[in-house]
């Protein structure tokens, strides 16, 4: 995998770390898309993860692949409330309709992207290397 997007997309489940007060919190995610030269994700605005990202937008994503490699992606969360971003998310993932049956009109569904994003590929055998986002 030559980009962070390709790596994360190929490995389906990745984890996002946030800060809850003074405690770290990690949870699994499964949706990623490319939009406007950024990597986009989604969540529900009633969840703790959303509230934590509003309070502290610094996050780190980790995606474990095969062959002892993983990607860490760091950045600052920016929420995108545009209908266009939401429509694109539902176009790219039918699975989202199972969670949000109203689709892009679901008032709890939010998309976000990372600014100042940096991706690093790690391995048990090789030195870490910076990789492009997409």
N, C-alpha and C. Protein backbone atom coordinates (compact mmCIF):
# COMPACT_ATOMS: atom_id res chain seq x y z
N UNK A 1 0.84 -1.18 0.00
CA UNK A 1 0.00 0.00 0.00
C UNK A 1 0.89 1.24 0.00
N UNK A 2 0.66 2.12 -0.93
CA UNK A 2 1.54 3.27 -1.06
C UNK A 2 1.00 4.55 -0.42
N UNK A 3 -0.29 4.55 -0.03
CA UNK A 3 -0.86 5.74 0.61
C UNK A 3 -1.62 5.34 1.87
N UNK A 4 -1.82 6.31 2.73
CA UNK A 4 -2.59 6.04 3.95
C UNK A 4 -4.02 5.62 3.61
N UNK A 5 -4.62 6.28 2.63
CA UNK A 5 -5.98 5.93 2.23
C UNK A 5 -6.06 4.48 1.77
N UNK A 6 -5.16 4.07 0.88
CA UNK A 6 -5.17 2.70 0.38
C UNK A 6 -5.00 1.70 1.51
N UNK A 7 -4.09 1.99 2.43
CA UNK A 7 -3.81 1.08 3.54
C UNK A 7 -5.05 0.94 4.43
N UNK A 8 -5.61 2.06 4.84
CA UNK A 8 -6.77 2.03 5.75
C UNK A 8 -7.97 1.38 5.06
N UNK A 9 -8.21 1.72 3.82
CA UNK A 9 -9.35 1.17 3.08
C UNK A 9 -9.22 -0.36 2.94
N UNK A 10 -8.02 -0.84 2.72
CA UNK A 10 -7.79 -2.27 2.52
C UNK A 10 -7.95 -3.08 3.80
N UNK A 11 -7.83 -2.43 4.95
CA UNK A 11 -7.85 -3.17 6.21
C UNK A 11 -9.13 -2.99 7.01
N UNK A 12 -10.12 -2.37 6.42
CA UNK A 12 -11.50 -2.28 6.90
C UNK A 12 -11.69 -1.64 8.27
N UNK A 13 -11.17 -2.22 9.33
CA UNK A 13 -11.38 -1.66 10.67
C UNK A 13 -10.12 -0.93 11.10
N UNK A 14 -10.30 0.29 11.56
CA UNK A 14 -9.19 1.07 12.11
C UNK A 14 -9.69 1.68 13.41
N UNK A 15 -8.77 2.22 14.19
CA UNK A 15 -9.14 2.77 15.50
C UNK A 15 -8.78 4.24 15.57
N UNK A 16 -9.68 5.02 16.16
CA UNK A 16 -9.46 6.44 16.37
C UNK A 16 -9.30 6.69 17.86
N UNK A 17 -8.22 7.37 18.21
CA UNK A 17 -7.95 7.74 19.59
C UNK A 17 -8.30 9.21 19.81
N UNK A 18 -9.05 9.46 20.87
CA UNK A 18 -9.42 10.81 21.27
C UNK A 18 -9.01 10.99 22.73
N UNK A 19 -9.26 12.19 23.24
CA UNK A 19 -9.01 12.48 24.64
C UNK A 19 -10.34 12.81 25.30
N UNK A 20 -10.59 12.16 26.44
CA UNK A 20 -11.80 12.39 27.23
C UNK A 20 -11.35 12.94 28.58
N UNK A 21 -11.34 14.28 28.67
CA UNK A 21 -10.79 14.89 29.89
C UNK A 21 -9.29 14.66 29.92
N UNK A 22 -8.85 13.79 30.84
CA UNK A 22 -7.43 13.46 30.92
C UNK A 22 -7.15 12.01 30.53
N UNK A 23 -8.17 11.33 30.03
CA UNK A 23 -8.04 9.91 29.68
C UNK A 23 -8.10 9.70 28.17
N UNK A 24 -7.29 8.78 27.70
CA UNK A 24 -7.32 8.40 26.29
C UNK A 24 -8.51 7.48 26.06
N UNK A 25 -9.12 7.59 24.89
CA UNK A 25 -10.23 6.72 24.49
C UNK A 25 -9.97 6.27 23.05
N UNK A 26 -10.19 4.99 22.80
CA UNK A 26 -9.98 4.42 21.47
C UNK A 26 -11.21 3.63 21.10
N UNK A 27 -11.63 3.76 19.84
CA UNK A 27 -12.78 2.97 19.37
C UNK A 27 -12.61 2.64 17.89
N UNK A 28 -13.25 1.53 17.47
CA UNK A 28 -13.13 1.11 16.08
C UNK A 28 -14.04 1.94 15.16
N UNK A 29 -13.54 2.17 13.96
CA UNK A 29 -14.28 2.82 12.89
C UNK A 29 -14.11 1.97 11.63
N UNK A 30 -14.91 2.25 10.62
CA UNK A 30 -14.78 1.47 9.40
C UNK A 30 -15.01 2.24 8.12
N UNK A 31 -15.29 3.54 8.20
CA UNK A 31 -15.59 4.32 6.99
C UNK A 31 -14.52 5.37 6.75
N UNK A 32 -14.04 5.41 5.51
CA UNK A 32 -13.10 6.45 5.08
C UNK A 32 -13.41 6.76 3.62
N UNK A 33 -13.27 8.03 3.24
CA UNK A 33 -13.41 8.41 1.84
C UNK A 33 -12.50 9.60 1.55
N UNK A 34 -12.22 9.80 0.26
CA UNK A 34 -11.45 10.95 -0.19
C UNK A 34 -12.43 12.01 -0.67
N UNK A 35 -12.19 13.25 -0.26
CA UNK A 35 -13.04 14.36 -0.70
C UNK A 35 -12.26 15.67 -0.54
N UNK A 36 -12.30 16.49 -1.56
CA UNK A 36 -11.67 17.83 -1.48
C UNK A 36 -10.24 17.78 -0.95
N UNK A 37 -9.45 16.87 -1.45
CA UNK A 37 -8.04 16.75 -1.03
C UNK A 37 -7.88 16.47 0.46
N UNK A 38 -8.82 15.71 1.02
CA UNK A 38 -8.73 15.33 2.43
C UNK A 38 -9.29 13.93 2.62
N UNK A 39 -8.93 13.32 3.73
CA UNK A 39 -9.50 12.04 4.12
C UNK A 39 -10.67 12.32 5.06
N UNK A 40 -11.83 11.77 4.72
CA UNK A 40 -13.06 12.00 5.47
C UNK A 40 -13.48 10.74 6.22
N UNK A 41 -14.14 10.97 7.35
CA UNK A 41 -14.67 9.92 8.20
C UNK A 41 -16.07 10.35 8.62
N UNK A 42 -16.77 9.51 9.35
CA UNK A 42 -18.10 9.91 9.82
C UNK A 42 -18.38 9.33 11.19
N UNK A 43 -19.34 9.95 11.86
CA UNK A 43 -19.77 9.48 13.17
C UNK A 43 -21.17 10.03 13.45
N UNK A 44 -21.60 9.88 14.67
CA UNK A 44 -22.92 10.30 15.12
C UNK A 44 -22.73 11.41 16.14
N UNK A 45 -23.43 12.52 15.99
CA UNK A 45 -23.21 13.67 16.88
C UNK A 45 -23.79 13.50 18.27
N UNK A 46 -24.37 12.33 18.56
CA UNK A 46 -24.83 12.06 19.93
C UNK A 46 -23.83 11.19 20.71
N UNK A 47 -22.79 10.74 20.03
CA UNK A 47 -21.81 9.85 20.67
C UNK A 47 -20.74 10.63 21.42
N UNK A 48 -20.15 9.95 22.41
CA UNK A 48 -19.06 10.56 23.17
C UNK A 48 -17.88 10.91 22.29
N UNK A 49 -17.59 10.08 21.29
CA UNK A 49 -16.45 10.37 20.41
C UNK A 49 -16.61 11.73 19.73
N UNK A 50 -17.82 12.06 19.31
CA UNK A 50 -18.08 13.36 18.70
C UNK A 50 -17.82 14.48 19.71
N UNK A 51 -18.35 14.33 20.90
CA UNK A 51 -18.17 15.36 21.94
C UNK A 51 -16.69 15.54 22.29
N UNK A 52 -15.95 14.43 22.31
CA UNK A 52 -14.52 14.50 22.61
C UNK A 52 -13.76 15.23 21.50
N UNK A 53 -14.14 14.99 20.24
CA UNK A 53 -13.47 15.65 19.12
C UNK A 53 -13.80 17.14 19.08
N UNK A 54 -15.00 17.51 19.52
CA UNK A 54 -15.36 18.93 19.61
C UNK A 54 -14.49 19.60 20.67
N UNK A 55 -14.33 18.95 21.81
CA UNK A 55 -13.53 19.50 22.91
C UNK A 55 -12.04 19.56 22.58
N UNK A 56 -11.54 18.51 21.93
CA UNK A 56 -10.12 18.43 21.59
C UNK A 56 -10.00 17.78 20.21
N UNK A 57 -9.77 18.56 19.17
CA UNK A 57 -9.79 18.02 17.81
C UNK A 57 -8.55 17.21 17.42
N UNK A 58 -7.56 17.12 18.29
CA UNK A 58 -6.37 16.32 17.97
C UNK A 58 -6.69 14.84 18.12
N UNK A 59 -6.52 14.09 17.03
CA UNK A 59 -6.80 12.65 17.05
C UNK A 59 -5.65 11.90 16.40
N UNK A 60 -5.63 10.61 16.67
CA UNK A 60 -4.71 9.72 15.97
C UNK A 60 -5.48 8.48 15.57
N UNK A 61 -5.22 8.04 14.35
CA UNK A 61 -5.86 6.84 13.80
C UNK A 61 -4.77 5.79 13.62
N UNK A 62 -5.11 4.56 13.94
CA UNK A 62 -4.18 3.46 13.73
C UNK A 62 -4.90 2.36 12.97
N UNK A 63 -4.24 1.87 11.92
CA UNK A 63 -4.79 0.79 11.11
C UNK A 63 -3.74 -0.31 10.99
N UNK A 64 -4.09 -1.49 11.47
CA UNK A 64 -3.18 -2.63 11.43
C UNK A 64 -3.43 -3.43 10.16
N UNK A 65 -2.37 -3.66 9.42
CA UNK A 65 -2.47 -4.43 8.19
C UNK A 65 -1.86 -5.80 8.35
N UNK A 66 -1.56 -6.39 7.25
CA UNK A 66 -0.93 -7.70 7.24
C UNK A 66 0.58 -7.53 7.22
N UNK A 67 1.26 -8.60 7.38
CA UNK A 67 2.72 -8.62 7.28
C UNK A 67 3.40 -7.72 8.31
N UNK A 68 2.77 -7.53 9.47
CA UNK A 68 3.40 -6.77 10.54
C UNK A 68 3.58 -5.30 10.27
N UNK A 69 2.66 -4.71 9.52
CA UNK A 69 2.73 -3.28 9.22
C UNK A 69 1.48 -2.57 9.73
N UNK A 70 1.62 -1.31 10.06
CA UNK A 70 0.49 -0.50 10.46
C UNK A 70 0.74 0.95 10.10
N UNK A 71 -0.36 1.71 9.96
CA UNK A 71 -0.30 3.14 9.66
C UNK A 71 -0.84 3.91 10.85
N UNK A 72 -0.15 4.97 11.17
CA UNK A 72 -0.65 5.95 12.13
C UNK A 72 -0.90 7.24 11.36
N UNK A 73 -2.08 7.79 11.56
CA UNK A 73 -2.49 9.02 10.89
C UNK A 73 -2.90 10.01 11.97
N UNK A 74 -2.20 11.13 12.02
CA UNK A 74 -2.51 12.17 13.00
C UNK A 74 -3.04 13.41 12.31
N UNK A 75 -3.89 14.14 13.02
CA UNK A 75 -4.39 15.39 12.49
C UNK A 75 -5.41 16.03 13.41
N UNK A 76 -5.96 17.13 12.95
CA UNK A 76 -6.99 17.86 13.69
C UNK A 76 -8.32 17.69 12.97
N UNK A 77 -9.34 17.38 13.73
CA UNK A 77 -10.68 17.16 13.19
C UNK A 77 -11.32 18.49 12.81
N UNK A 78 -11.91 18.49 11.61
CA UNK A 78 -12.75 19.60 11.16
C UNK A 78 -14.06 18.97 10.69
N UNK A 79 -15.16 19.40 11.25
CA UNK A 79 -16.46 18.86 10.86
C UNK A 79 -16.95 19.54 9.59
N UNK A 80 -17.53 18.74 8.70
CA UNK A 80 -18.09 19.24 7.45
C UNK A 80 -19.58 18.92 7.46
N UNK A 81 -20.40 19.92 7.67
CA UNK A 81 -21.85 19.73 7.76
C UNK A 81 -22.54 19.82 6.40
N UNK A 82 -21.77 19.88 5.33
CA UNK A 82 -22.39 20.05 4.02
C UNK A 82 -23.17 18.81 3.61
N UNK A 83 -24.26 19.05 2.95
CA UNK A 83 -25.07 17.95 2.43
C UNK A 83 -24.28 17.16 1.39
N UNK A 84 -23.45 17.83 0.62
CA UNK A 84 -22.66 17.15 -0.42
C UNK A 84 -21.72 16.10 0.18
N UNK A 85 -21.09 16.41 1.29
CA UNK A 85 -20.20 15.44 1.95
C UNK A 85 -21.00 14.24 2.44
N UNK A 86 -22.17 14.50 3.01
CA UNK A 86 -23.01 13.41 3.51
C UNK A 86 -23.51 12.53 2.36
N UNK A 87 -23.94 13.15 1.28
CA UNK A 87 -24.42 12.38 0.12
C UNK A 87 -23.29 11.50 -0.42
N UNK A 88 -22.10 12.06 -0.52
CA UNK A 88 -20.97 11.27 -1.02
C UNK A 88 -20.71 10.07 -0.11
N UNK A 89 -20.80 10.27 1.19
CA UNK A 89 -20.56 9.16 2.13
C UNK A 89 -21.55 8.02 1.89
N UNK A 90 -22.81 8.35 1.73
CA UNK A 90 -23.82 7.30 1.51
C UNK A 90 -23.70 6.68 0.12
N UNK A 91 -23.20 7.43 -0.83
CA UNK A 91 -22.94 6.88 -2.16
C UNK A 91 -21.80 5.87 -2.12
N UNK A 92 -20.81 6.15 -1.29
CA UNK A 92 -19.64 5.27 -1.21
C UNK A 92 -19.84 4.06 -0.32
N UNK A 93 -20.81 4.11 0.60
CA UNK A 93 -20.97 2.99 1.54
C UNK A 93 -22.45 2.69 1.80
N UNK A 94 -22.94 1.60 1.23
CA UNK A 94 -24.31 1.16 1.49
C UNK A 94 -24.51 0.79 2.95
N UNK A 95 -23.45 0.35 3.61
CA UNK A 95 -23.52 -0.05 5.01
C UNK A 95 -24.05 1.08 5.90
N UNK A 96 -23.74 2.32 5.55
CA UNK A 96 -24.17 3.45 6.36
C UNK A 96 -25.68 3.54 6.46
N UNK A 97 -26.39 3.12 5.41
CA UNK A 97 -27.86 3.16 5.44
C UNK A 97 -28.44 2.22 6.49
N UNK A 98 -27.72 1.19 6.85
CA UNK A 98 -28.19 0.29 7.91
C UNK A 98 -28.16 0.99 9.26
N UNK A 99 -27.23 1.92 9.42
CA UNK A 99 -27.09 2.64 10.69
C UNK A 99 -27.91 3.93 10.67
N UNK A 100 -27.96 4.57 9.51
CA UNK A 100 -28.65 5.85 9.34
C UNK A 100 -29.66 5.73 8.20
N UNK A 101 -30.85 5.17 8.47
CA UNK A 101 -31.81 4.90 7.40
C UNK A 101 -32.31 6.15 6.67
N UNK A 102 -32.19 7.33 7.27
CA UNK A 102 -32.61 8.57 6.60
C UNK A 102 -31.53 9.07 5.64
N UNK A 103 -30.40 8.36 5.58
CA UNK A 103 -29.33 8.77 4.70
C UNK A 103 -28.77 10.13 5.05
N UNK A 104 -28.50 10.93 4.02
CA UNK A 104 -27.89 12.25 4.22
C UNK A 104 -28.80 13.20 4.98
N UNK A 105 -30.07 12.85 5.13
CA UNK A 105 -31.01 13.70 5.88
C UNK A 105 -31.04 13.38 7.37
N UNK A 106 -30.27 12.39 7.80
CA UNK A 106 -30.22 12.04 9.23
C UNK A 106 -29.51 13.15 9.99
N UNK A 107 -30.19 13.75 10.93
CA UNK A 107 -29.64 14.89 11.66
C UNK A 107 -28.51 14.52 12.61
N UNK A 108 -28.34 13.24 12.93
CA UNK A 108 -27.25 12.84 13.82
C UNK A 108 -25.98 12.48 13.07
N UNK A 109 -26.08 12.26 11.76
CA UNK A 109 -24.94 11.85 10.95
C UNK A 109 -24.05 13.04 10.64
N UNK A 110 -22.76 12.91 10.94
CA UNK A 110 -21.80 13.99 10.65
C UNK A 110 -20.56 13.42 9.96
N UNK A 111 -20.00 14.22 9.08
CA UNK A 111 -18.74 13.87 8.45
C UNK A 111 -17.66 14.81 8.97
N UNK A 112 -16.44 14.31 8.95
CA UNK A 112 -15.32 15.14 9.37
C UNK A 112 -14.08 14.72 8.60
N UNK A 113 -13.13 15.63 8.56
CA UNK A 113 -11.85 15.35 7.91
C UNK A 113 -10.73 15.83 8.82
N UNK A 114 -9.51 15.51 8.43
CA UNK A 114 -8.36 15.90 9.22
C UNK A 114 -7.55 16.97 8.50
N UNK A 115 -7.18 18.01 9.23
CA UNK A 115 -6.23 18.99 8.71
C UNK A 115 -4.88 18.70 9.36
N UNK A 116 -3.85 19.26 8.78
CA UNK A 116 -2.49 19.03 9.27
C UNK A 116 -2.21 17.54 9.44
N UNK A 117 -2.78 16.75 8.55
CA UNK A 117 -2.66 15.29 8.67
C UNK A 117 -1.28 14.82 8.24
N UNK A 118 -0.77 13.87 9.01
CA UNK A 118 0.51 13.23 8.71
C UNK A 118 0.34 11.74 8.87
N UNK A 119 0.81 10.98 7.89
CA UNK A 119 0.69 9.53 7.93
C UNK A 119 2.08 8.90 7.95
N UNK A 120 2.23 7.88 8.81
CA UNK A 120 3.49 7.16 8.93
C UNK A 120 3.21 5.68 8.86
N UNK A 121 4.00 4.98 8.06
CA UNK A 121 3.91 3.53 7.95
C UNK A 121 4.97 2.93 8.88
N UNK A 122 4.52 2.01 9.74
CA UNK A 122 5.40 1.34 10.68
C UNK A 122 5.48 -0.14 10.36
N UNK A 123 6.56 -0.75 10.84
CA UNK A 123 6.77 -2.17 10.62
C UNK A 123 7.60 -2.72 11.77
N UNK A 124 7.45 -4.00 12.05
CA UNK A 124 8.29 -4.63 13.07
C UNK A 124 9.72 -4.80 12.59
N UNK A 125 9.94 -4.69 11.28
CA UNK A 125 11.27 -4.96 10.74
C UNK A 125 11.92 -3.75 10.06
N UNK A 126 11.15 -2.76 9.63
CA UNK A 126 11.71 -1.62 8.90
C UNK A 126 11.54 -0.33 9.69
N UNK A 127 12.34 0.66 9.36
CA UNK A 127 12.22 1.97 9.99
C UNK A 127 10.91 2.63 9.56
N UNK A 128 10.30 3.45 10.44
CA UNK A 128 9.08 4.17 10.05
C UNK A 128 9.33 5.06 8.84
N UNK A 129 8.29 5.19 7.99
CA UNK A 129 8.42 6.08 6.84
C UNK A 129 7.15 6.88 6.64
N UNK A 130 7.33 8.15 6.36
CA UNK A 130 6.18 9.00 6.05
C UNK A 130 5.62 8.58 4.70
N UNK A 131 4.29 8.55 4.61
CA UNK A 131 3.64 8.19 3.35
C UNK A 131 2.59 9.24 3.00
N UNK A 132 2.26 9.38 1.71
CA UNK A 132 1.23 10.36 1.34
C UNK A 132 -0.15 9.92 1.82
N UNK A 133 -1.03 10.88 1.98
CA UNK A 133 -2.39 10.57 2.42
C UNK A 133 -3.15 9.80 1.35
N UNK A 134 -3.02 10.21 0.08
CA UNK A 134 -3.70 9.53 -1.02
C UNK A 134 -2.96 9.77 -2.30
